C-alpha atoms as a PDB file:
ATOM      1  CA  MET A   1    -240.371-248.761  79.323  1.00  0.00           C
ATOM      2  CA  THR A   2    -243.283-246.695  80.574  1.00  0.00           C
ATOM      3  CA  HIS A   3    -243.174-245.879  84.262  1.00  0.00           C
ATOM      4  CA  ILE A   4    -245.020-243.657  86.696  1.00  0.00           C
ATOM      5  CA  ILE A   5    -243.457-241.775  89.606  1.00  0.00           C
ATOM      6  CA  ARG A   6    -246.039-241.252  92.341  1.00  0.00           C
ATOM      7  CA  HIS A   7    -246.331-240.702  96.063  1.00  0.00           C
ATOM      8  CA  TYR A   8    -246.026-243.792  98.277  1.00  0.00           C
ATOM      9  CA  VAL A   9    -249.217-245.307  99.693  1.00  0.00           C
ATOM     10  CA  GLU A  10    -249.461-247.986 102.388  1.00  0.00           C
ATOM     11  CA  GLY A  11    -250.146-250.757  99.862  1.00  0.00           C
ATOM     12  CA  ASP A  12    -246.734-250.144  98.263  1.00  0.00           C
ATOM     13  CA  LEU A  13    -244.714-251.541 101.180  1.00  0.00           C
ATOM     14  CA  GLU A  14    -244.189-255.016  99.702  1.00  0.00           C
ATOM     15  CA  GLY A  15    -242.838-253.536  96.450  1.00  0.00           C
ATOM     16  CA  VAL A  16    -240.607-251.119  98.357  1.00  0.00           C
ATOM     17  CA  LEU A  17    -239.132-253.914 100.499  1.00  0.00           C
ATOM     18  CA  SER A  18    -238.700-256.187  97.485  1.00  0.00           C
ATOM     19  CA  SER A  19    -236.873-253.547  95.430  1.00  0.00           C
ATOM     20  CA  TRP A  20    -234.700-252.627  98.441  1.00  0.00           C
ATOM     21  CA  GLU A  21    -233.769-256.244  99.099  1.00  0.00           C
ATOM     22  CA  SER A  22    -232.949-257.202  95.506  1.00  0.00           C
ATOM     23  CA  ALA A  23    -230.940-254.000  94.890  1.00  0.00           C
ATOM     24  CA  SER A  24    -229.146-254.230  98.258  1.00  0.00           C
ATOM     25  CA  LYS A  25    -227.855-257.727  97.503  1.00  0.00           C
ATOM     26  CA  ILE A  26    -226.097-256.378  94.420  1.00  0.00           C
ATOM     27  CA  ALA A  27    -225.007-252.932  95.677  1.00  0.00           C
ATOM     28  CA  HIS A  28    -224.132-253.924  99.260  1.00  0.00           C
ATOM     29  CA  PRO A  29    -222.625-257.446  99.243  1.00  0.00           C
ATOM     30  CA  PHE A  30    -220.271-256.244 102.005  1.00  0.00           C
ATOM     31  CA  LEU A  31    -223.094-255.765 104.543  1.00  0.00           C
ATOM     32  CA  LYS A  32    -223.675-258.473 107.134  1.00  0.00           C
ATOM     33  CA  GLU A  33    -227.015-260.311 107.247  1.00  0.00           C
ATOM     34  CA  GLU A  34    -227.677-259.130 110.834  1.00  0.00           C
ATOM     35  CA  PHE A  35    -227.492-255.493 109.701  1.00  0.00           C
ATOM     36  CA  LEU A  36    -229.817-256.184 106.746  1.00  0.00           C
ATOM     37  CA  GLU A  37    -232.325-257.903 109.038  1.00  0.00           C
ATOM     38  CA  THR A  38    -232.366-254.817 111.260  1.00  0.00           C
ATOM     39  CA  GLU A  39    -232.868-252.604 108.205  1.00  0.00           C
ATOM     40  CA  ARG A  40    -235.779-254.820 107.018  1.00  0.00           C
ATOM     41  CA  TYR A  41    -237.501-253.938 110.284  1.00  0.00           C
ATOM     42  CA  ASN A  42    -236.429-250.278 110.264  1.00  0.00           C
ATOM     43  CA  ILE A  43    -237.667-249.473 106.755  1.00  0.00           C
ATOM     44  CA  PRO A  44    -241.413-249.724 107.506  1.00  0.00           C
ATOM     45  CA  ASN A  45    -241.213-248.965 111.224  1.00  0.00           C
ATOM     46  CA  VAL A  46    -238.606-246.198 111.548  1.00  0.00           C
ATOM     47  CA  TYR A  47    -237.639-244.738 108.167  1.00  0.00           C
ATOM     48  CA  MET A  48    -240.878-244.686 106.159  1.00  0.00           C
ATOM     49  CA  PRO A  49    -242.960-242.853 108.799  1.00  0.00           C
ATOM     50  CA  ASN A  50    -240.337-240.056 108.823  1.00  0.00           C
ATOM     51  CA  ALA A  51    -239.706-239.779 105.081  1.00  0.00           C
ATOM     52  CA  ASP A  52    -241.425-238.361 102.023  1.00  0.00           C
ATOM     53  CA  THR A  53    -241.388-241.440  99.808  1.00  0.00           C
ATOM     54  CA  TRP A  54    -242.022-241.677  96.079  1.00  0.00           C
ATOM     55  CA  VAL A  55    -242.302-244.919  94.136  1.00  0.00           C
ATOM     56  CA  ALA A  56    -241.636-245.963  90.571  1.00  0.00           C
ATOM     57  CA  GLU A  57    -244.399-248.101  89.134  1.00  0.00           C
ATOM     58  CA  VAL A  58    -244.245-250.231  85.981  1.00  0.00           C
ATOM     59  CA  LYS A  59    -247.387-252.041  84.793  1.00  0.00           C
ATOM     60  CA  GLY A  60    -249.022-251.595  88.202  1.00  0.00           C
ATOM     61  CA  ASN A  61    -246.036-252.931  90.181  1.00  0.00           C
ATOM     62  CA  VAL A  62    -243.724-250.926  92.434  1.00  0.00           C
ATOM     63  CA  VAL A  63    -240.176-251.486  91.133  1.00  0.00           C
ATOM     64  CA  GLY A  64    -238.288-248.857  93.116  1.00  0.00           C
ATOM     65  CA  PHE A  65    -238.484-245.888  95.448  1.00  0.00           C
ATOM     66  CA  ILE A  66    -236.793-242.785  96.768  1.00  0.00           C
ATOM     67  CA  ALA A  67    -237.198-241.695 100.398  1.00  0.00           C
ATOM     68  CA  LEU A  68    -236.492-238.057 101.227  1.00  0.00           C
ATOM     69  CA  ILE A  69    -235.959-236.368 104.561  1.00  0.00           C
ATOM     70  CA  GLY A  70    -235.993-232.740 103.505  1.00  0.00           C
ATOM     71  CA  ASN A  71    -233.340-232.446 100.804  1.00  0.00           C
ATOM     72  CA  GLU A  72    -231.532-235.577 102.069  1.00  0.00           C
ATOM     73  CA  VAL A  73    -231.892-238.695  99.925  1.00  0.00           C
ATOM     74  CA  GLY A  74    -232.338-241.229 102.711  1.00  0.00           C
ATOM     75  CA  ALA A  75    -232.669-244.095 100.242  1.00  0.00           C
ATOM     76  CA  ILE A  76    -233.058-244.780  96.555  1.00  0.00           C
ATOM     77  CA  PHE A  77    -233.403-248.372  95.413  1.00  0.00           C
ATOM     78  CA  LEU A  78    -234.534-249.890  92.148  1.00  0.00           C
ATOM     79  CA  ASP A  79    -235.162-253.543  91.311  1.00  0.00           C
ATOM     80  CA  PRO A  80    -232.061-254.570  89.305  1.00  0.00           C
ATOM     81  CA  LYS A  81    -234.253-255.745  86.412  1.00  0.00           C
ATOM     82  CA  PHE A  82    -235.273-252.096  85.922  1.00  0.00           C
ATOM     83  CA  GLN A  83    -231.873-250.430  86.354  1.00  0.00           C
ATOM     84  CA  GLY A  84    -230.171-248.613  83.510  1.00  0.00           C
ATOM     85  CA  ILE A  85    -233.326-247.490  81.678  1.00  0.00           C
ATOM     86  CA  GLY A  86    -233.931-244.091  83.259  1.00  0.00           C
ATOM     87  CA  ILE A  87    -236.240-244.972  86.156  1.00  0.00           C
ATOM     88  CA  GLY A  88    -233.645-244.211  88.848  1.00  0.00           C
ATOM     89  CA  LYS A  89    -232.952-240.884  87.138  1.00  0.00           C
ATOM     90  CA  ALA A  90    -236.702-240.160  87.098  1.00  0.00           C
ATOM     91  CA  LEU A  91    -236.872-240.793  90.862  1.00  0.00           C
ATOM     92  CA  MET A  92    -233.910-238.472  91.433  1.00  0.00           C
ATOM     93  CA  ASP A  93    -235.466-235.883  89.098  1.00  0.00           C
ATOM     94  CA  LYS A  94    -238.567-235.920  91.339  1.00  0.00           C
ATOM     95  CA  ALA A  95    -236.403-235.267  94.417  1.00  0.00           C
ATOM     96  CA  GLN A  96    -234.564-232.478  92.615  1.00  0.00           C
ATOM     97  CA  GLU A  97    -237.872-230.957  91.445  1.00  0.00           C
ATOM     98  CA  LEU A  98    -239.093-230.936  95.059  1.00  0.00           C
ATOM     99  CA  HIS A  99    -235.919-229.711  96.779  1.00  0.00           C
ATOM    100  CA  GLY A 100    -233.378-228.405  94.261  1.00  0.00           C
ATOM    101  CA  THR A 101    -230.116-229.002  96.094  1.00  0.00           C
ATOM    102  CA  LEU A 102    -229.787-232.591  97.342  1.00  0.00           C
ATOM    103  CA  GLU A 103    -227.422-234.461  99.653  1.00  0.00           C
ATOM    104  CA  VAL A 104    -226.855-238.182 100.087  1.00  0.00           C
ATOM    105  CA  GLU A 105    -224.560-240.613 101.851  1.00  0.00           C
ATOM    106  CA  VAL A 106    -223.362-243.658  99.931  1.00  0.00           C
ATOM    107  CA  PHE A 107    -221.169-246.521 101.058  1.00  0.00           C
ATOM    108  CA  LYS A 108    -217.680-246.091  99.619  1.00  0.00           C
ATOM    109  CA  ALA A 109    -217.759-249.771  98.569  1.00  0.00           C
ATOM    110  CA  ASN A 110    -221.069-249.295  96.676  1.00  0.00           C
ATOM    111  CA  SER A 111    -219.654-248.824  93.169  1.00  0.00           C
ATOM    112  CA  ILE A 112    -223.133-249.021  91.594  1.00  0.00           C
ATOM    113  CA  GLY A 113    -224.500-246.178  93.736  1.00  0.00           C
ATOM    114  CA  ARG A 114    -221.360-244.080  93.381  1.00  0.00           C
ATOM    115  CA  LYS A 115    -221.497-244.401  89.592  1.00  0.00           C
ATOM    116  CA  PHE A 116    -225.208-243.452  89.552  1.00  0.00           C
ATOM    117  CA  TYR A 117    -224.684-240.371  91.736  1.00  0.00           C
ATOM    118  CA  GLY A 118    -221.652-239.313  89.730  1.00  0.00           C
ATOM    119  CA  ARG A 119    -223.562-239.525  86.442  1.00  0.00           C
ATOM    120  CA  TYR A 120    -226.385-237.500  87.976  1.00  0.00           C
ATOM    121  CA  GLY A 121    -223.959-234.734  88.965  1.00  0.00           C
ATOM    122  CA  PHE A 122    -223.399-235.257  92.694  1.00  0.00           C
ATOM    123  CA  GLU A 123    -220.045-234.046  93.993  1.00  0.00           C
ATOM    124  CA  PHE A 124    -217.949-235.172  96.948  1.00  0.00           C
ATOM    125  CA  LEU A 125    -218.353-233.288 100.252  1.00  0.00           C
ATOM    126  CA  ALA A 126    -216.856-235.492 102.975  1.00  0.00           C
ATOM    127  CA  GLU A 127    -215.923-239.011 104.024  1.00  0.00           C
ATOM    128  CA  SER A 128    -216.749-240.689 107.326  1.00  0.00           C
ATOM    129  CA  THR A 129    -217.417-244.085 108.893  1.00  0.00           C
ATOM    130  CA  HIS A 130    -220.896-245.606 109.173  1.00  0.00           C
ATOM    131  CA  GLU A 131    -220.747-246.732 112.805  1.00  0.00           C
ATOM    132  CA  PRO A 132    -223.206-249.683 112.663  1.00  0.00           C
ATOM    133  CA  THR A 133    -221.243-251.374 109.846  1.00  0.00           C
ATOM    134  CA  ASN A 134    -217.772-249.819 110.219  1.00  0.00           C
ATOM    135  CA  GLN A 135    -217.925-249.108 106.461  1.00  0.00           C
ATOM    136  CA  GLY A 136    -216.673-245.932 104.826  1.00  0.00           C
ATOM    137  CA  VAL A 137    -219.381-243.565 103.584  1.00  0.00           C
ATOM    138  CA  LEU A 138    -219.171-240.603 101.262  1.00  0.00           C
ATOM    139  CA  ARG A 139    -221.366-237.532 101.637  1.00  0.00           C
ATOM    140  CA  LEU A 140    -222.273-236.123  98.255  1.00  0.00           C
ATOM    141  CA  LYS A 141    -224.113-232.992  97.154  1.00  0.00           C
ATOM    142  CA  PHE A 142    -226.053-232.098  94.030  1.00  0.00           C
ATOM    143  CA  VAL A 143    -226.547-228.430  93.185  1.00  0.00           C
ATOM    144  CA  PRO A 144    -228.740-227.680  90.152  1.00  0.00           C
ATOM    145  CA  CYS A 145    -227.196-225.442  87.497  1.00  0.00           C
END
């Protein structure tokens, strides 16, 4: 499937929120609705203004995004209908092209995300607790060869 990776523009917000919400329901079923509601507000109002965000576009529609804070992957989400066909990898490739070495935190219970990062080549650094949710998180690092 043909896709374009491009810089985020203001008109992309609806697609970003839609891809986040649909992917979160599958990857994060353990998160409480109150936390997700807070995140729905935080994405456009707190995170996006402080991140370098790139979107994946298919046939003119935003189907996913990656938000970077320096070499930290703050978020990467892809509409589940578009997972498994290389678009998530293309988003991560863009981040790697921009920053080389990358770091990310992923919920320990997020088997989908952990599998994706593992296939990409991220390696374990540390484990901690995400205070707002009391969930375990893993810090991972990718170093290009």
